Amino acid sequence: MTAGFTALVLAGSRGGADAVADYAGVSHKALIVLDGRTLIHRVLDALDAAGAARIIVSTHDAGVAAELARIKTRAAVTRIDAAASPSASVLEAAEKVGTPLLVTTADHALLQPEWVTRFLDDAPQGADIAVLLASEAVVTAAARTKRTYLAFADGRYSGCNLFLLRNPQALNAIAFWRRVEAQRKAPWKMALTVGPIMLVRYALKMLTLDGMIAQLGRRAGATAAAVRSPFGLAAVDVDKPSDLDLVRKLVETA
């Protein structure tokens, strides 16, 4: 699955002020200009160069919709309304356009075609859903940046905002994610959903990355796999003003 794939780009909003958009002086962070192109433009260009045949952008922002109309790609670009949360947006989009579906985000400012094609090539054929992560060593070798890491028995890893939903069974995992996301204000409910024993084993660093992802997949009713990225910058998105400063510096010095 390295050509002719369908991709979903999440460009929604949780509502309220966005610190990154405010810092950059734009209405939506997907409209931040980096080296002459908006972030959404950069993401679409990377997916297009990686061989996407169709790109779906999930957003309710009028400015992002207007920007999409100006972007020229070989891939067909379609906008759909974002849902109330990222998981709901993925679930609704997947139900509309089907699978396989590559999922990423509009703030993946440094996204490169090679990262996409490598991920698609490395994702196990037997996995319903695959997620891309990079080890702390790989990330820190690429850039001095503070990322959020998950600690496992075999090291610390940061997510890379790339997911592959290979078949309809993967939607079970997205529905599971949606349930967990809805319980974020009730940690005890979240713990029950994810599994208390698994959480304890994770806290004690008794689980490897592969073991944790596999167990979460089974809990969700899908076969899940982790894919390790050799590209440290794949873990860099624009969640905070300091992230924007970093990607600007990296692009300027490239």
C-alpha atoms as a PDB file:
ATOM      1  CA  MET A   1       0.000   0.000   0.000  1.00  0.00           C
ATOM      2  CA  THR A   2       2.441   2.644  -1.154  1.00  0.00           C
ATOM      3  CA  ALA A   3       0.486   4.260  -3.969  1.00  0.00           C
ATOM      4  CA  GLY A   4      -3.092   5.195  -4.628  1.00  0.00           C
ATOM      5  CA  PHE A   5      -4.010   5.260  -0.945  1.00  0.00           C
ATOM      6  CA  THR A   6      -6.667   7.363   0.790  1.00  0.00           C
ATOM      7  CA  ALA A   7      -5.581   9.705   3.578  1.00  0.00           C
ATOM      8  CA  LEU A   8      -7.489  11.569   6.254  1.00  0.00           C
ATOM      9  CA  VAL A   9      -6.099  14.823   7.653  1.00  0.00           C
ATOM     10  CA  LEU A  10      -7.556  15.950  10.974  1.00  0.00           C
ATOM     11  CA  ALA A  11      -7.919  19.730  11.061  1.00  0.00           C
ATOM     12  CA  GLY A  12     -10.650  20.123  13.633  1.00  0.00           C
ATOM     13  CA  SER A  13     -10.706  22.054  16.883  1.00  0.00           C
ATOM     14  CA  ARG A  14     -11.671  21.267  20.450  1.00  0.00           C
ATOM     15  CA  GLY A  15     -13.207  24.728  20.731  1.00  0.00           C
ATOM     16  CA  GLY A  16     -11.978  27.729  22.663  1.00  0.00           C
ATOM     17  CA  ALA A  17      -8.713  29.553  22.163  1.00  0.00           C
ATOM     18  CA  ASP A  18      -5.791  27.826  20.458  1.00  0.00           C
ATOM     19  CA  ALA A  19      -2.505  29.006  21.972  1.00  0.00           C
ATOM     20  CA  VAL A  20      -0.502  28.145  18.846  1.00  0.00           C
ATOM     21  CA  ALA A  21      -2.887  29.920  16.452  1.00  0.00           C
ATOM     22  CA  ASP A  22      -2.966  32.954  18.745  1.00  0.00           C
ATOM     23  CA  TYR A  23       0.831  32.959  18.959  1.00  0.00           C
ATOM     24  CA  ALA A  24       1.091  32.904  15.154  1.00  0.00           C
ATOM     25  CA  GLY A  25      -1.689  35.454  14.648  1.00  0.00           C
ATOM     26  CA  VAL A  26      -3.975  33.226  12.577  1.00  0.00           C
ATOM     27  CA  SER A  27      -7.515  31.915  13.052  1.00  0.00           C
ATOM     28  CA  HIS A  28      -6.527  28.231  12.922  1.00  0.00           C
ATOM     29  CA  LYS A  29      -3.117  26.633  13.353  1.00  0.00           C
ATOM     30  CA  ALA A  30      -3.474  24.787  10.041  1.00  0.00           C
ATOM     31  CA  LEU A  31      -3.179  28.248   8.450  1.00  0.00           C
ATOM     32  CA  ILE A  32       0.208  29.051   9.989  1.00  0.00           C
ATOM     33  CA  VAL A  33       2.668  29.838   7.191  1.00  0.00           C
ATOM     34  CA  LEU A  34       5.966  27.955   7.276  1.00  0.00           C
ATOM     35  CA  ASP A  35       8.497  28.629   4.525  1.00  0.00           C
ATOM     36  CA  GLY A  36       5.856  30.058   2.190  1.00  0.00           C
ATOM     37  CA  ARG A  37       3.170  27.380   2.681  1.00  0.00           C
ATOM     38  CA  THR A  38       0.496  26.886   5.282  1.00  0.00           C
ATOM     39  CA  LEU A  39       0.778  23.829   7.504  1.00  0.00           C
ATOM     40  CA  ILE A  40      -2.229  22.210   5.817  1.00  0.00           C
ATOM     41  CA  HIS A  41      -0.622  22.875   2.431  1.00  0.00           C
ATOM     42  CA  ARG A  42       2.623  21.235   3.554  1.00  0.00           C
ATOM     43  CA  VAL A  43       0.778  18.145   4.816  1.00  0.00           C
ATOM     44  CA  LEU A  44      -1.243  17.792   1.623  1.00  0.00           C
ATOM     45  CA  ASP A  45       1.889  18.188  -0.516  1.00  0.00           C
ATOM     46  CA  ALA A  46       3.662  15.428   1.446  1.00  0.00           C
ATOM     47  CA  LEU A  47       0.727  13.029   1.127  1.00  0.00           C
ATOM     48  CA  ASP A  48       0.383  13.860  -2.560  1.00  0.00           C
ATOM     49  CA  ALA A  49       4.078  13.188  -3.194  1.00  0.00           C
ATOM     50  CA  ALA A  50       3.811   9.908  -1.254  1.00  0.00           C
ATOM     51  CA  GLY A  51       1.237   8.681  -3.772  1.00  0.00           C
ATOM     52  CA  ALA A  52      -2.134   9.457  -2.217  1.00  0.00           C
ATOM     53  CA  ALA A  53      -5.016   9.187  -4.666  1.00  0.00           C
ATOM     54  CA  ARG A  54      -7.549  10.786  -2.351  1.00  0.00           C
ATOM     55  CA  ILE A  55      -7.143  13.113   0.618  1.00  0.00           C
ATOM     56  CA  ILE A  56     -10.002  13.857   3.003  1.00  0.00           C
ATOM     57  CA  VAL A  57      -9.661  16.899   5.271  1.00  0.00           C
ATOM     58  CA  SER A  58     -11.827  16.907   8.383  1.00  0.00           C
ATOM     59  CA  THR A  59     -12.514  20.486   9.476  1.00  0.00           C
ATOM     60  CA  HIS A  60     -15.279  22.934  10.244  1.00  0.00           C
ATOM     61  CA  ASP A  61     -13.106  26.030   9.846  1.00  0.00           C
ATOM     62  CA  ALA A  62     -14.062  28.345   6.969  1.00  0.00           C
ATOM     63  CA  GLY A  63     -10.499  29.628   6.632  1.00  0.00           C
ATOM     64  CA  VAL A  64      -9.119  26.108   6.239  1.00  0.00           C
ATOM     65  CA  ALA A  65     -11.845  25.307   3.702  1.00  0.00           C
ATOM     66  CA  ALA A  66     -10.875  28.390   1.695  1.00  0.00           C
ATOM     67  CA  GLU A  67      -7.203  27.404   1.828  1.00  0.00           C
ATOM     68  CA  LEU A  68      -8.030  23.929   0.522  1.00  0.00           C
ATOM     69  CA  ALA A  69      -9.657  25.490  -2.528  1.00  0.00           C
ATOM     70  CA  ARG A  70      -6.342  27.184  -3.363  1.00  0.00           C
ATOM     71  CA  ILE A  71      -4.115  24.121  -3.005  1.00  0.00           C
ATOM     72  CA  LYS A  72      -3.342  22.192  -6.187  1.00  0.00           C
ATOM     73  CA  THR A  73      -2.575  18.483  -5.889  1.00  0.00           C
ATOM     74  CA  ARG A  74      -2.721  15.440  -8.121  1.00  0.00           C
ATOM     75  CA  ALA A  75      -4.748  13.710  -5.427  1.00  0.00           C
ATOM     76  CA  ALA A  76      -8.450  14.492  -5.166  1.00  0.00           C
ATOM     77  CA  VAL A  77      -9.024  16.614  -2.050  1.00  0.00           C
ATOM     78  CA  THR A  78     -12.379  16.582  -0.280  1.00  0.00           C
ATOM     79  CA  ARG A  79     -13.484  18.411   2.853  1.00  0.00           C
ATOM     80  CA  ILE A  80     -15.847  16.881   5.396  1.00  0.00           C
ATOM     81  CA  ASP A  81     -17.144  18.344   8.641  1.00  0.00           C
ATOM     82  CA  ALA A  82     -15.111  17.565  11.735  1.00  0.00           C
ATOM     83  CA  ALA A  83     -16.849  15.888  14.657  1.00  0.00           C
ATOM     84  CA  ALA A  84     -16.677  16.861  18.318  1.00  0.00           C
ATOM     85  CA  SER A  85     -13.402  15.000  18.975  1.00  0.00           C
ATOM     86  CA  PRO A  86     -10.492  13.545  16.991  1.00  0.00           C
ATOM     87  CA  SER A  87     -11.654   9.969  17.551  1.00  0.00           C
ATOM     88  CA  ALA A  88     -15.197  10.793  16.456  1.00  0.00           C
ATOM     89  CA  SER A  89     -13.837  12.571  13.363  1.00  0.00           C
ATOM     90  CA  VAL A  90     -11.769   9.506  12.421  1.00  0.00           C
ATOM     91  CA  LEU A  91     -14.685   7.153  13.007  1.00  0.00           C
ATOM     92  CA  GLU A  92     -17.130   9.223  10.964  1.00  0.00           C
ATOM     93  CA  ALA A  93     -14.648   9.696   8.111  1.00  0.00           C
ATOM     94  CA  ALA A  94     -13.738   6.003   7.993  1.00  0.00           C
ATOM     95  CA  GLU A  95     -17.405   5.043   7.900  1.00  0.00           C
ATOM     96  CA  LYS A  96     -17.889   7.422   4.951  1.00  0.00           C
ATOM     97  CA  VAL A  97     -14.818   6.660   2.841  1.00  0.00           C
ATOM     98  CA  GLY A  98     -13.941   3.130   3.982  1.00  0.00           C
ATOM     99  CA  THR A  99     -10.621   1.446   4.575  1.00  0.00           C
ATOM    100  CA  PRO A 100      -7.679   1.187   4.187  1.00  0.00           C
ATOM    101  CA  LEU A 101      -7.219   4.723   5.472  1.00  0.00           C
ATOM    102  CA  LEU A 102      -4.068   6.572   6.497  1.00  0.00           C
ATOM    103  CA  VAL A 103      -4.691   9.140   9.245  1.00  0.00           C
ATOM    104  CA  THR A 104      -2.553  12.158  10.131  1.00  0.00           C
ATOM    105  CA  THR A 105      -2.985  15.711  11.407  1.00  0.00           C
ATOM    106  CA  ALA A 106      -2.856  19.193   9.909  1.00  0.00           C
ATOM    107  CA  ASP A 107      -0.159  20.283  12.377  1.00  0.00           C
ATOM    108  CA  HIS A 108       2.318  17.642  11.171  1.00  0.00           C
ATOM    109  CA  ALA A 109       4.387  20.532   9.861  1.00  0.00           C
ATOM    110  CA  LEU A 110       7.522  18.614   8.856  1.00  0.00           C
ATOM    111  CA  LEU A 111       5.774  15.608   7.280  1.00  0.00           C
ATOM    112  CA  GLN A 112       7.829  14.043   4.487  1.00  0.00           C
ATOM    113  CA  PRO A 113       6.696  11.644   1.723  1.00  0.00           C
ATOM    114  CA  GLU A 114       9.397   9.162   2.765  1.00  0.00           C
ATOM    115  CA  TRP A 115       7.966   8.941   6.285  1.00  0.00           C
ATOM    116  CA  VAL A 116       4.579   8.046   4.853  1.00  0.00           C
ATOM    117  CA  THR A 117       5.767   5.452   2.357  1.00  0.00           C
ATOM    118  CA  ARG A 118       8.128   3.848   4.889  1.00  0.00           C
ATOM    119  CA  PHE A 119       5.294   3.559   7.405  1.00  0.00           C
ATOM    120  CA  LEU A 120       2.941   2.019   4.858  1.00  0.00           C
ATOM    121  CA  ASP A 121       5.619  -0.457   3.795  1.00  0.00           C
ATOM    122  CA  ASP A 122       6.531  -1.402   7.377  1.00  0.00           C
ATOM    123  CA  ALA A 123       2.983  -1.764   8.747  1.00  0.00           C
ATOM    124  CA  PRO A 124       2.391  -5.517   9.289  1.00  0.00           C
ATOM    125  CA  GLN A 125      -0.065  -7.022   6.812  1.00  0.00           C
ATOM    126  CA  GLY A 126      -1.775  -8.945   9.606  1.00  0.00           C
ATOM    127  CA  ALA A 127      -2.548  -5.863  11.701  1.00  0.00           C
ATOM    128  CA  ASP A 128      -5.982  -4.253  11.507  1.00  0.00           C
ATOM    129  CA  ILE A 129      -4.507  -0.995  12.797  1.00  0.00           C
ATOM    130  CA  ALA A 130      -0.921   0.239  12.954  1.00  0.00           C
ATOM    131  CA  VAL A 131       0.531   3.238  14.768  1.00  0.00           C
ATOM    132  CA  LEU A 132       3.868   4.950  14.126  1.00  0.00           C
ATOM    133  CA  LEU A 133       6.172   5.852  17.029  1.00  0.00           C
ATOM    134  CA  ALA A 134       9.786   6.956  17.380  1.00  0.00           C
ATOM    135  CA  SER A 135      12.149   6.061  20.191  1.00  0.00           C
ATOM    136  CA  GLU A 136      13.527   8.786  22.440  1.00  0.00           C
ATOM    137  CA  ALA A 137      17.025   8.128  21.108  1.00  0.00           C
ATOM    138  CA  VAL A 138      15.895   8.612  17.513  1.00  0.00           C
ATOM    139  CA  VAL A 139      13.970  11.797  18.357  1.00  0.00           C
ATOM    140  CA  THR A 140      16.732  13.430  20.378  1.00  0.00           C
ATOM    141  CA  ALA A 141      19.287  12.587  17.691  1.00  0.00           C
ATOM    142  CA  ALA A 142      17.158  14.553  15.216  1.00  0.00           C
ATOM    143  CA  ALA A 143      16.304  17.595  17.335  1.00  0.00           C
ATOM    144  CA  ARG A 144      16.542  18.998  20.829  1.00  0.00           C
ATOM    145  CA  THR A 145      12.893  19.087  21.709  1.00  0.00           C
ATOM    146  CA  LYS A 146      10.653  18.240  24.628  1.00  0.00           C
ATOM    147  CA  ARG A 147       8.180  15.590  23.566  1.00  0.00           C
ATOM    148  CA  THR A 148       5.682  13.473  25.442  1.00  0.00           C
ATOM    149  CA  TYR A 149       7.066   9.964  25.842  1.00  0.00           C
ATOM    150  CA  LEU A 150       5.453   6.714  26.896  1.00  0.00           C
ATOM    151  CA  ALA A 151       7.824   4.572  28.972  1.00  0.00           C
ATOM    152  CA  PHE A 152       7.966   0.821  28.324  1.00  0.00           C
ATOM    153  CA  ALA A 153      10.218  -2.025  29.379  1.00  0.00           C
ATOM    154  CA  ASP A 154      12.151  -1.601  26.132  1.00  0.00           C
ATOM    155  CA  GLY A 155      12.447   2.201  26.155  1.00  0.00           C
ATOM    156  CA  ARG A 156      10.548   5.458  25.767  1.00  0.00           C
ATOM    157  CA  TYR A 157       8.588   6.301  22.628  1.00  0.00           C
ATOM    158  CA  SER A 158       6.761   9.303  21.228  1.00  0.00           C
ATOM    159  CA  GLY A 159       3.821   9.149  18.837  1.00  0.00           C
ATOM    160  CA  CYS A 160       4.274  10.333  15.249  1.00  0.00           C
ATOM    161  CA  ASN A 161       0.687  11.231  14.286  1.00  0.00           C
ATOM    162  CA  LEU A 162       0.467   8.565  11.601  1.00  0.00           C
ATOM    163  CA  PHE A 163      -2.039   5.724  11.817  1.00  0.00           C
ATOM    164  CA  LEU A 164      -3.128   3.088   9.340  1.00  0.00           C
ATOM    165  CA  LEU A 165      -6.637   1.639   9.480  1.00  0.00           C
ATOM    166  CA  ARG A 166      -6.173  -1.355   7.225  1.00  0.00           C
ATOM    167  CA  ASN A 167      -9.682  -2.824   7.275  1.00  0.00           C
ATOM    168  CA  PRO A 168     -13.133  -2.355   8.872  1.00  0.00           C
ATOM    169  CA  GLN A 169     -11.994  -4.275  11.973  1.00  0.00           C
ATOM    170  CA  ALA A 170      -9.768  -1.291  12.770  1.00  0.00           C
ATOM    171  CA  LEU A 171     -12.874   0.767  13.491  1.00  0.00           C
ATOM    172  CA  ASN A 172     -13.299  -1.250  16.691  1.00  0.00           C
ATOM    173  CA  ALA A 173     -10.069   0.333  17.910  1.00  0.00           C
ATOM    174  CA  ILE A 174     -11.282   3.820  16.985  1.00  0.00           C
ATOM    175  CA  ALA A 175     -14.580   3.236  18.780  1.00  0.00           C
ATOM    176  CA  PHE A 176     -12.558   2.087  21.819  1.00  0.00           C
ATOM    177  CA  TRP A 177     -10.418   5.248  21.602  1.00  0.00           C
ATOM    178  CA  ARG A 178     -13.625   7.287  21.477  1.00  0.00           C
ATOM    179  CA  ARG A 179     -14.889   5.669  24.688  1.00  0.00           C
ATOM    180  CA  VAL A 180     -11.595   6.346  26.470  1.00  0.00           C
ATOM    181  CA  GLU A 181     -11.520   9.919  25.154  1.00  0.00           C
ATOM    182  CA  ALA A 182     -15.040  10.537  26.480  1.00  0.00           C
ATOM    183  CA  GLN A 183     -13.919   9.402  29.948  1.00  0.00           C
ATOM    184  CA  ARG A 184     -10.896  11.674  30.256  1.00  0.00           C
ATOM    185  CA  LYS A 185     -12.595  13.646  33.069  1.00  0.00           C
ATOM    186  CA  ALA A 186     -13.326  10.425  34.996  1.00  0.00           C
ATOM    187  CA  PRO A 187      -9.974   8.623  35.362  1.00  0.00           C
ATOM    188  CA  TRP A 188     -11.450   5.653  37.237  1.00  0.00           C
ATOM    189  CA  LYS A 189     -13.842   4.964  34.348  1.00  0.00           C
ATOM    190  CA  MET A 190     -10.976   5.287  31.889  1.00  0.00           C
ATOM    191  CA  ALA A 191      -8.933   2.824  33.930  1.00  0.00           C
ATOM    192  CA  LEU A 192     -11.767   0.312  33.899  1.00  0.00           C
ATOM    193  CA  THR A 193     -12.139   0.650  30.131  1.00  0.00           C
ATOM    194  CA  VAL A 194      -8.431   0.272  29.385  1.00  0.00           C
ATOM    195  CA  GLY A 195      -7.946  -2.438  32.011  1.00  0.00           C
ATOM    196  CA  PRO A 196      -6.573  -1.893  35.545  1.00  0.00           C
ATOM    197  CA  ILE A 197      -4.141  -4.804  35.414  1.00  0.00           C
ATOM    198  CA  MET A 198      -2.661  -3.608  32.146  1.00  0.00           C
ATOM    199  CA  LEU A 199      -2.279  -0.090  33.546  1.00  0.00           C
ATOM    200  CA  VAL A 200      -0.464  -1.425  36.605  1.00  0.00           C
ATOM    201  CA  ARG A 201       1.865  -3.493  34.430  1.00  0.00           C
ATOM    202  CA  TYR A 202       2.542  -0.414  32.287  1.00  0.00           C
ATOM    203  CA  ALA A 203       3.214   1.749  35.356  1.00  0.00           C
ATOM    204  CA  LEU A 204       5.710  -0.835  36.594  1.00  0.00           C
ATOM    205  CA  LYS A 205       7.363  -0.923  33.156  1.00  0.00           C
ATOM    206  CA  MET A 206       6.541  -4.601  32.766  1.00  0.00           C
ATOM    207  CA  LEU A 207       5.192  -4.164  29.236  1.00  0.00           C
ATOM    208  CA  THR A 208       7.156  -3.649  26.032  1.00  0.00           C
ATOM    209  CA  LEU A 209       5.842  -1.272  23.385  1.00  0.00           C
ATOM    210  CA  ASP A 210       4.700  -4.169  21.216  1.00  0.00           C
ATOM    211  CA  GLY A 211       3.099  -5.900  24.186  1.00  0.00           C
ATOM    212  CA  MET A 212       1.141  -2.818  25.221  1.00  0.00           C
ATOM    213  CA  ILE A 213      -0.120  -2.073  21.721  1.00  0.00           C
ATOM    214  CA  ALA A 214      -1.115  -5.698  21.198  1.00  0.00           C
ATOM    215  CA  GLN A 215      -2.996  -5.810  24.507  1.00  0.00           C
ATOM    216  CA  LEU A 216      -4.792  -2.551  23.789  1.00  0.00           C
ATOM    217  CA  GLY A 217      -5.785  -3.937  20.406  1.00  0.00           C
ATOM    218  CA  ARG A 218      -7.213  -7.092  21.940  1.00  0.00           C
ATOM    219  CA  ARG A 219      -9.094  -4.992  24.491  1.00  0.00           C
ATOM    220  CA  ALA A 220     -10.562  -2.989  21.608  1.00  0.00           C
ATOM    221  CA  GLY A 221     -11.397  -5.985  19.432  1.00  0.00           C
ATOM    222  CA  ALA A 222      -8.729  -5.475  16.777  1.00  0.00           C
ATOM    223  CA  THR A 223      -5.206  -6.619  15.955  1.00  0.00           C
ATOM    224  CA  ALA A 224      -2.914  -3.661  16.601  1.00  0.00           C
ATOM    225  CA  ALA A 225       0.771  -3.175  15.863  1.00  0.00           C
ATOM    226  CA  ALA A 226       3.406  -0.568  16.602  1.00  0.00           C
ATOM    227  CA  VAL A 227       5.748   0.542  13.831  1.00  0.00           C
ATOM    228  CA  ARG A 228       9.045   2.170  14.812  1.00  0.00           C
ATOM    229  CA  SER A 229      10.112   5.152  12.750  1.00  0.00           C
ATOM    230  CA  PRO A 230      13.776   5.766  11.955  1.00  0.00           C
ATOM    231  CA  PHE A 231      12.915   9.446  11.407  1.00  0.00           C
ATOM    232  CA  GLY A 232      13.067  11.387  14.666  1.00  0.00           C
ATOM    233  CA  LEU A 233      11.428  14.507  13.273  1.00  0.00           C
ATOM    234  CA  ALA A 234       8.311  12.458  12.549  1.00  0.00           C
ATOM    235  CA  ALA A 235       7.491  12.871  16.253  1.00  0.00           C
ATOM    236  CA  VAL A 236       7.477  16.671  15.996  1.00  0.00           C
ATOM    237  CA  ASP A 237       4.094  18.315  15.535  1.00  0.00           C
ATOM    238  CA  VAL A 238       2.907  21.806  16.477  1.00  0.00           C
ATOM    239  CA  ASP A 239       1.067  21.484  19.772  1.00  0.00           C
ATOM    240  CA  LYS A 240       2.686  24.436  21.554  1.00  0.00           C
ATOM    241  CA  PRO A 241       4.217  27.806  20.607  1.00  0.00           C
ATOM    242  CA  SER A 242       7.646  26.334  21.382  1.00  0.00           C
ATOM    243  CA  ASP A 243       6.957  23.600  18.804  1.00  0.00           C
ATOM    244  CA  LEU A 244       6.286  26.272  16.196  1.00  0.00           C
ATOM    245  CA  ASP A 245       9.549  28.018  17.069  1.00  0.00           C
ATOM    246  CA  LEU A 246      11.350  24.692  16.674  1.00  0.00           C
ATOM    247  CA  VAL A 247       9.903  23.787  13.276  1.00  0.00           C
ATOM    248  CA  ARG A 248      10.586  27.289  11.985  1.00  0.00           C
ATOM    249  CA  LYS A 249      14.212  26.960  13.064  1.00  0.00           C
ATOM    250  CA  LEU A 250      14.516  23.496  11.529  1.00  0.00           C
ATOM    251  CA  VAL A 251      13.067  24.651   8.209  1.00  0.00           C
ATOM    252  CA  GLU A 252      15.232  27.770   8.120  1.00  0.00           C
ATOM    253  CA  THR A 253      18.418  25.774   8.717  1.00  0.00           C
ATOM    254  CA  ALA A 254      17.565  22.878   6.409  1.00  0.00           C
END
